[in-house]
């Protein structure tokens, strides 16, 4: 219903028509200027599109506010991420923060892989250098002895001839052993572990007998468990690994070696400690790598600790090398 005062205010803008006894009102044409007519059209268009325009406007304002408070920091983090700021992840719990965390984890994995590749490359270079050195020494001796044989009078210098031939044989055997060990090392990936149950004191007694056969002048001190429990291990390969570590200790110990064997948390720990000079910084890094030896003049092929590491890995254990106050310490950890 239109009130009287409203009708009077709009009367000049409408036209009254009586049709079939009924009165109809229709807007009358106004003589408007071009600008006013244009503004009327704009206003009518705005009236029709007001909801859409307001929705878009408020959506843009809302997104901008959301961007300032939720998106700007993670986007800046992604755009400026580097290795030195990889842990500076913005706080929050939206999807973009989760993406930042995912990117960070992937970058860390790539960093670890890069470090691993560089370590492998470094170890490979060291291995090649060690192999070259280890093969070069006996070959040089053989070559020198051959030169001696060519120079001496074979008929009159029988003693020299005999000594030279023995030296050649010895170094050829050394090369042969070296190649055999390399072949054995290559087969370590296919090494099969055959575990069996054995009383720990019986196993330790076997180790003691093997040590006696080494005919060393070093003093061996044993610390063993009092309880004779049953363990489940591949005795053959654990004995081999033990002898590799012990031979290393016998080489560098001054006079005493301490062997401690204990079982704890379903693991057997064999620690071998000597009173020598301990591992050098380089040895702590490379001692378990193939062909590494601190003493380049010895006949040690630098494979013992590496082979032991592989054996323990097959047992689900590990080999740990470190220094203590008065020498070197090597720990063999075996999962039972």
Protein backbone atom coordinates (compact mmCIF):
# COMPACT_ATOMS: atom_id res chain seq x y z
CA UNK A 1 0.00 0.00 0.00
CA UNK A 2 1.21 3.49 -0.84
CA UNK A 3 0.49 6.16 1.73
CA UNK A 4 -0.99 9.52 0.64
CA UNK A 5 2.16 11.50 1.34
CA UNK A 6 4.21 8.99 -0.65
CA UNK A 7 1.75 9.17 -3.52
CA UNK A 8 1.97 12.96 -3.59
CA UNK A 9 5.79 12.89 -3.68
CA UNK A 10 5.91 10.58 -6.68
CA UNK A 11 2.80 11.89 -8.45
CA UNK A 12 4.81 13.99 -10.84
CA UNK A 13 6.76 10.93 -12.00
CA UNK A 14 3.74 8.68 -12.82
CA UNK A 15 0.81 8.68 -15.21
CA UNK A 16 -2.69 7.56 -14.23
CA UNK A 17 -4.76 5.46 -16.71
CA UNK A 18 -8.28 4.00 -16.22
CA UNK A 19 -8.81 0.72 -18.03
CA UNK A 20 -11.98 -1.33 -17.62
CA UNK A 21 -12.93 0.67 -14.60
CA UNK A 22 -9.57 0.15 -12.92
CA UNK A 23 -6.90 2.77 -12.35
CA UNK A 24 -3.32 1.89 -13.33
CA UNK A 25 -0.20 3.88 -12.64
CA UNK A 26 2.83 3.76 -14.89
CA UNK A 27 6.09 5.77 -14.78
CA UNK A 28 5.92 8.73 -17.04
CA UNK A 29 8.77 9.59 -19.38
CA UNK A 30 11.07 12.22 -17.98
CA UNK A 31 13.09 14.69 -19.93
CA UNK A 32 16.48 13.83 -18.39
CA UNK A 33 19.87 15.00 -19.51
CA UNK A 34 22.24 12.48 -21.04
CA UNK A 35 24.38 12.29 -17.91
CA UNK A 36 21.42 11.77 -15.60
CA UNK A 37 20.01 9.14 -17.91
CA UNK A 38 23.38 7.36 -17.89
CA UNK A 39 23.56 7.49 -14.09
CA UNK A 40 20.04 6.09 -13.81
CA UNK A 41 21.06 3.16 -16.02
CA UNK A 42 24.18 2.58 -13.92
CA UNK A 43 22.19 2.64 -10.71
CA UNK A 44 19.59 0.23 -12.06
CA UNK A 45 22.42 -2.07 -13.24
CA UNK A 46 24.10 -1.82 -9.84
CA UNK A 47 20.79 -2.70 -8.18
CA UNK A 48 20.57 -5.85 -10.28
CA UNK A 49 24.23 -6.84 -9.73
CA UNK A 50 24.69 -5.61 -6.16
CA UNK A 51 24.79 -9.07 -4.62
CA UNK A 52 27.40 -10.34 -7.10
CA UNK A 53 29.54 -7.19 -6.80
CA UNK A 54 29.47 -7.26 -3.01
CA UNK A 55 30.29 -10.99 -2.97
CA UNK A 56 33.34 -10.47 -5.19
CA UNK A 57 34.47 -7.41 -3.24
CA UNK A 58 34.21 -9.04 0.15
CA UNK A 59 35.86 -12.22 -1.20
CA UNK A 60 38.84 -10.18 -2.38
CA UNK A 61 39.05 -8.38 0.96
CA UNK A 62 38.79 -11.68 2.82
CA UNK A 63 41.46 -13.31 0.67
CA UNK A 64 43.80 -10.36 1.19
CA UNK A 65 43.35 -10.56 4.96
CA UNK A 66 43.86 -14.34 4.84
CA UNK A 67 46.95 -13.86 2.69
CA UNK A 68 48.45 -11.40 5.17
CA UNK A 69 47.90 -13.68 8.14
CA UNK A 70 48.15 -17.21 6.68
CA UNK A 71 49.81 -17.32 3.27
CA UNK A 72 52.45 -14.61 3.07
CA UNK A 73 54.98 -16.25 5.43
CA UNK A 74 54.86 -19.77 3.91
CA UNK A 75 55.00 -18.36 0.36
CA UNK A 76 58.02 -16.22 1.29
CA UNK A 77 59.59 -19.29 2.93
CA UNK A 78 59.13 -21.39 -0.23
CA UNK A 79 60.46 -18.61 -2.48
CA UNK A 80 63.55 -18.00 -0.33
CA UNK A 81 64.32 -21.50 1.01
CA UNK A 82 68.04 -22.32 1.24
CA UNK A 83 70.17 -24.89 3.02
CA UNK A 84 71.05 -22.42 5.78
CA UNK A 85 67.40 -21.55 6.61
CA UNK A 86 65.76 -24.88 5.88
CA UNK A 87 64.53 -25.27 9.47
CA UNK A 88 62.88 -21.82 9.67
CA UNK A 89 59.40 -23.19 8.92
CA UNK A 90 56.57 -20.70 9.71
CA UNK A 91 54.10 -21.60 12.44
CA UNK A 92 50.60 -22.67 11.48
CA UNK A 93 48.41 -25.62 10.58
CA UNK A 94 47.06 -24.85 7.12
CA UNK A 95 47.75 -26.82 3.96
CA UNK A 96 50.54 -24.51 2.81
CA UNK A 97 52.41 -25.00 6.10
CA UNK A 98 52.10 -28.75 5.61
CA UNK A 99 53.51 -28.30 2.09
CA UNK A 100 56.43 -26.33 3.55
CA UNK A 101 57.16 -29.16 5.99
CA UNK A 102 56.98 -31.70 3.17
CA UNK A 103 59.39 -29.65 1.04
CA UNK A 104 61.73 -29.30 4.02
CA UNK A 105 61.74 -33.07 4.65
CA UNK A 106 62.45 -33.76 0.98
CA UNK A 107 65.30 -31.25 0.96
CA UNK A 108 66.79 -32.82 4.08
CA UNK A 109 66.59 -36.24 2.43
CA UNK A 110 68.36 -34.85 -0.62
CA UNK A 111 71.03 -33.33 1.60
CA UNK A 112 71.57 -36.68 3.32
CA UNK A 113 71.77 -38.45 -0.02
CA UNK A 114 74.25 -35.89 -1.28
CA UNK A 115 76.43 -36.36 1.79
CA UNK A 116 76.18 -40.13 1.41
CA UNK A 117 77.21 -39.94 -2.26
CA UNK A 118 80.17 -37.72 -1.41
CA UNK A 119 81.23 -40.09 1.37
CA UNK A 120 80.99 -43.03 -1.02
CA UNK A 121 82.98 -41.13 -3.61
CA UNK A 122 85.60 -40.25 -0.99
CA UNK A 123 85.73 -43.86 0.23
CA UNK A 124 86.03 -45.13 -3.36
CA UNK A 125 88.97 -42.83 -4.04
CA UNK A 126 90.60 -43.97 -0.84
CA UNK A 127 89.95 -47.61 -1.72
CA UNK A 128 91.49 -47.25 -5.18
CA UNK A 129 94.54 -45.53 -3.70
CA UNK A 130 94.93 -48.24 -1.06
CA UNK A 131 94.53 -51.06 -3.59
CA UNK A 132 97.12 -49.48 -5.85
CA UNK A 133 99.56 -49.15 -2.95
CA UNK A 134 98.96 -52.67 -1.62
CA UNK A 135 99.50 -54.26 -5.03
CA UNK A 136 102.42 -52.03 -5.91
CA UNK A 137 104.63 -53.09 -2.99
CA UNK A 138 104.77 -56.87 -3.64
CA UNK A 139 104.97 -56.34 -7.40
CA UNK A 140 107.93 -54.00 -6.93
CA UNK A 141 109.66 -56.62 -4.79
CA UNK A 142 109.05 -59.32 -7.40
CA UNK A 143 110.36 -57.06 -10.16
CA UNK A 144 113.48 -56.21 -8.12
CA UNK A 145 114.17 -59.87 -7.44
CA UNK A 146 113.81 -60.70 -11.11
CA UNK A 147 116.36 -57.99 -11.88
CA UNK A 148 118.71 -59.55 -9.31
CA UNK A 149 118.35 -62.97 -10.96
CA UNK A 150 119.27 -61.44 -14.30
CA UNK A 151 122.39 -59.82 -12.84
CA UNK A 152 123.90 -62.65 -10.75
CA UNK A 153 125.93 -65.58 -11.88
CA UNK A 154 123.46 -68.40 -11.32
CA UNK A 155 126.13 -71.11 -11.08
CA UNK A 156 128.30 -69.36 -8.47
CA UNK A 157 125.64 -67.50 -6.44
CA UNK A 158 123.32 -70.34 -5.46
CA UNK A 159 122.51 -68.82 -2.04
CA UNK A 160 121.46 -65.50 -3.53
CA UNK A 161 119.47 -67.33 -6.17
CA UNK A 162 117.63 -69.38 -3.55
CA UNK A 163 116.84 -66.37 -1.36
CA UNK A 164 115.63 -64.36 -4.35
CA UNK A 165 113.35 -67.15 -5.56
CA UNK A 166 111.91 -67.56 -2.06
CA UNK A 167 111.23 -63.81 -1.89
CA UNK A 168 109.47 -63.94 -5.27
CA UNK A 169 107.33 -66.88 -4.13
CA UNK A 170 106.47 -65.16 -0.87
CA UNK A 171 105.26 -61.98 -2.57
CA UNK A 172 103.38 -63.87 -5.26
CA UNK A 173 101.56 -65.73 -2.47
CA UNK A 174 100.89 -62.37 -0.84
CA UNK A 175 99.31 -61.08 -4.07
CA UNK A 176 97.30 -64.29 -4.42
CA UNK A 177 95.96 -63.97 -0.86
CA UNK A 178 95.11 -60.36 -1.49
CA UNK A 179 93.08 -61.24 -4.58
CA UNK A 180 91.38 -64.09 -2.72
CA UNK A 181 90.35 -61.69 0.03
CA UNK A 182 89.05 -59.22 -2.53
CA UNK A 183 86.97 -61.97 -4.14
CA UNK A 184 85.71 -63.02 -0.72
CA UNK A 185 84.79 -59.43 0.05
CA UNK A 186 82.84 -59.18 -3.22
CA UNK A 187 80.75 -62.16 -2.13
CA UNK A 188 79.84 -60.62 1.25
CA UNK A 189 76.55 -59.24 -0.10
CA UNK A 190 75.44 -62.83 -0.76
CA UNK A 191 76.73 -64.03 2.61
CA UNK A 192 74.29 -66.45 4.24
CA UNK A 193 74.02 -66.55 8.01
CA UNK A 194 73.39 -69.98 9.55
CA UNK A 195 72.51 -69.44 13.19
CA UNK A 196 72.57 -72.20 15.73
CA UNK A 197 72.00 -72.42 19.48
CA UNK A 198 75.10 -72.73 21.66
CA UNK A 199 76.01 -72.16 25.29
CA UNK A 200 77.81 -68.84 25.58
CA UNK A 201 80.59 -70.28 27.77
CA UNK A 202 81.28 -72.99 25.18
CA UNK A 203 81.48 -70.32 22.48
CA UNK A 204 83.88 -68.25 24.62
CA UNK A 205 86.04 -71.31 25.21
CA UNK A 206 86.30 -71.74 21.43
CA UNK A 207 87.40 -68.11 21.11
CA UNK A 208 90.03 -68.63 23.81
CA UNK A 209 91.45 -71.68 22.03
CA UNK A 210 91.61 -69.74 18.76
CA UNK A 211 93.48 -66.93 20.52
CA UNK A 212 96.04 -69.38 21.92
CA UNK A 213 96.85 -70.53 18.39
CA UNK A 214 97.90 -67.00 17.42
CA UNK A 215 101.09 -67.38 19.49
CA UNK A 216 101.14 -63.74 20.51
CA UNK A 217 103.34 -62.33 23.26
CA UNK A 218 100.62 -59.87 24.28
CA UNK A 219 98.71 -60.40 27.52
CA UNK A 220 95.04 -61.20 26.92
CA UNK A 221 92.62 -60.39 29.76
CA UNK A 222 89.12 -61.91 29.61
CA UNK A 223 85.97 -60.63 31.28
CA UNK A 224 83.14 -63.12 30.68
CA UNK A 225 79.57 -63.72 31.95
CA UNK A 226 79.03 -65.88 35.01
CA UNK A 227 75.71 -67.24 33.77
CA UNK A 228 75.91 -69.86 31.02
CA UNK A 229 72.99 -68.81 28.82
CA UNK A 230 72.11 -70.13 25.36
CA UNK A 231 72.75 -67.77 22.43
CA UNK A 232 71.69 -68.07 18.79
CA UNK A 233 74.44 -66.98 16.36
CA UNK A 234 76.43 -68.04 13.30
CA UNK A 235 79.48 -69.19 15.27
CA UNK A 236 81.73 -69.60 12.21
CA UNK A 237 81.33 -66.04 10.95
CA UNK A 238 81.31 -64.44 14.43
CA UNK A 239 84.61 -66.22 15.15
CA UNK A 240 85.98 -64.84 11.89
CA UNK A 241 84.89 -61.31 12.75
CA UNK A 242 86.31 -61.64 16.26
CA UNK A 243 89.70 -62.76 14.94
CA UNK A 244 89.79 -59.86 12.49
CA UNK A 245 89.27 -57.36 15.31
CA UNK A 246 91.69 -59.16 17.63
CA UNK A 247 94.43 -59.25 14.97
CA UNK A 248 94.09 -55.51 14.64
CA UNK A 249 94.46 -55.11 18.42
CA UNK A 250 97.47 -57.46 18.49
CA UNK A 251 99.16 -55.33 15.84
CA UNK A 252 98.84 -52.03 17.73
CA UNK A 253 98.72 -53.01 21.43
CA UNK A 254 101.80 -52.35 23.53
CA UNK A 255 101.38 -55.31 25.85
CA UNK A 256 97.79 -55.74 27.05
CA UNK A 257 94.45 -56.52 25.43
CA UNK A 258 91.15 -56.64 27.33
CA UNK A 259 88.25 -58.70 25.98
CA UNK A 260 84.85 -58.17 27.58
CA UNK A 261 81.85 -60.31 26.58
CA UNK A 262 78.36 -59.66 27.93
CA UNK A 263 74.72 -60.18 26.98
CA UNK A 264 72.18 -57.43 27.52
CA UNK A 265 68.76 -56.64 26.02
CA UNK A 266 68.93 -59.64 23.65
CA UNK A 267 72.26 -58.46 22.27
CA UNK A 268 75.76 -59.84 22.75
CA UNK A 269 78.50 -57.24 23.10
CA UNK A 270 82.12 -58.20 22.46
CA UNK A 271 84.48 -55.33 23.22
CA UNK A 272 88.21 -55.55 22.49
CA UNK A 273 90.37 -52.86 24.07
CA UNK A 274 94.12 -52.42 23.75
CA UNK A 275 96.74 -50.20 25.38
CA UNK A 276 98.22 -48.91 22.12
CA UNK A 277 98.21 -45.43 20.63
CA UNK A 278 94.56 -45.64 19.58
CA UNK A 279 92.97 -44.83 16.23
CA UNK A 280 94.08 -41.75 14.37
CA UNK A 281 91.47 -39.24 13.23
CA UNK A 282 91.72 -40.64 9.71
CA UNK A 283 91.38 -44.22 10.95
CA UNK A 284 88.23 -43.38 12.92
CA UNK A 285 86.75 -42.24 9.62
CA UNK A 286 88.06 -44.94 7.27
CA UNK A 287 89.01 -47.98 9.38
CA UNK A 288 85.93 -49.98 8.40
CA UNK A 289 86.28 -49.09 4.71
CA UNK A 290 87.73 -51.54 2.22
CA UNK A 291 91.53 -51.69 1.90
CA UNK A 292 92.27 -49.13 4.60
CA UNK A 293 95.40 -49.66 6.70
CA UNK A 294 97.18 -47.19 8.97
CA UNK A 295 100.51 -48.95 8.45
CA UNK A 296 101.26 -48.94 4.73
CA UNK A 297 104.42 -51.01 5.28
CA UNK A 298 102.66 -53.96 6.92
CA UNK A 299 101.17 -56.92 5.12
CA UNK A 300 97.74 -55.98 6.50
CA UNK A 301 95.38 -55.79 3.50
CA UNK A 302 92.92 -53.48 5.24
CA UNK A 303 89.94 -55.81 4.81
CA UNK A 304 89.46 -57.35 8.27
CA UNK A 305 87.32 -54.67 9.90
CA UNK A 306 85.29 -54.19 6.73
CA UNK A 307 84.52 -57.92 6.56
CA UNK A 308 83.61 -57.92 10.26
CA UNK A 309 81.25 -54.99 9.69
CA UNK A 310 79.47 -56.94 6.93
CA UNK A 311 79.17 -60.05 9.12
CA UNK A 312 77.67 -58.08 12.00
CA UNK A 313 75.31 -56.27 9.63
CA UNK A 314 74.02 -59.64 8.46
CA UNK A 315 73.34 -60.44 12.13
CA UNK A 316 71.41 -57.18 12.50
CA UNK A 317 74.26 -55.76 14.58
CA UNK A 318 77.01 -53.22 14.10
CA UNK A 319 80.72 -52.55 14.52
CA UNK A 320 81.77 -49.51 16.56
CA UNK A 321 85.33 -48.19 16.66
CA UNK A 322 86.54 -45.48 19.00
CA UNK A 323 89.32 -44.53 21.40
CA UNK A 324 89.40 -44.80 25.17
CA UNK A 325 91.81 -43.20 27.60
CA UNK A 326 94.66 -45.60 26.90
CA UNK A 327 94.21 -46.99 23.40
CA UNK A 328 91.70 -48.24 20.88
CA UNK A 329 88.32 -49.81 21.56
CA UNK A 330 86.32 -51.89 19.09
CA UNK A 331 82.81 -53.11 19.94
CA UNK A 332 81.02 -55.93 18.16
CA UNK A 333 77.24 -55.84 18.72
CA UNK A 334 75.30 -58.97 17.69
CA UNK A 335 71.53 -59.35 17.79
CA UNK A 336 70.62 -62.70 19.32
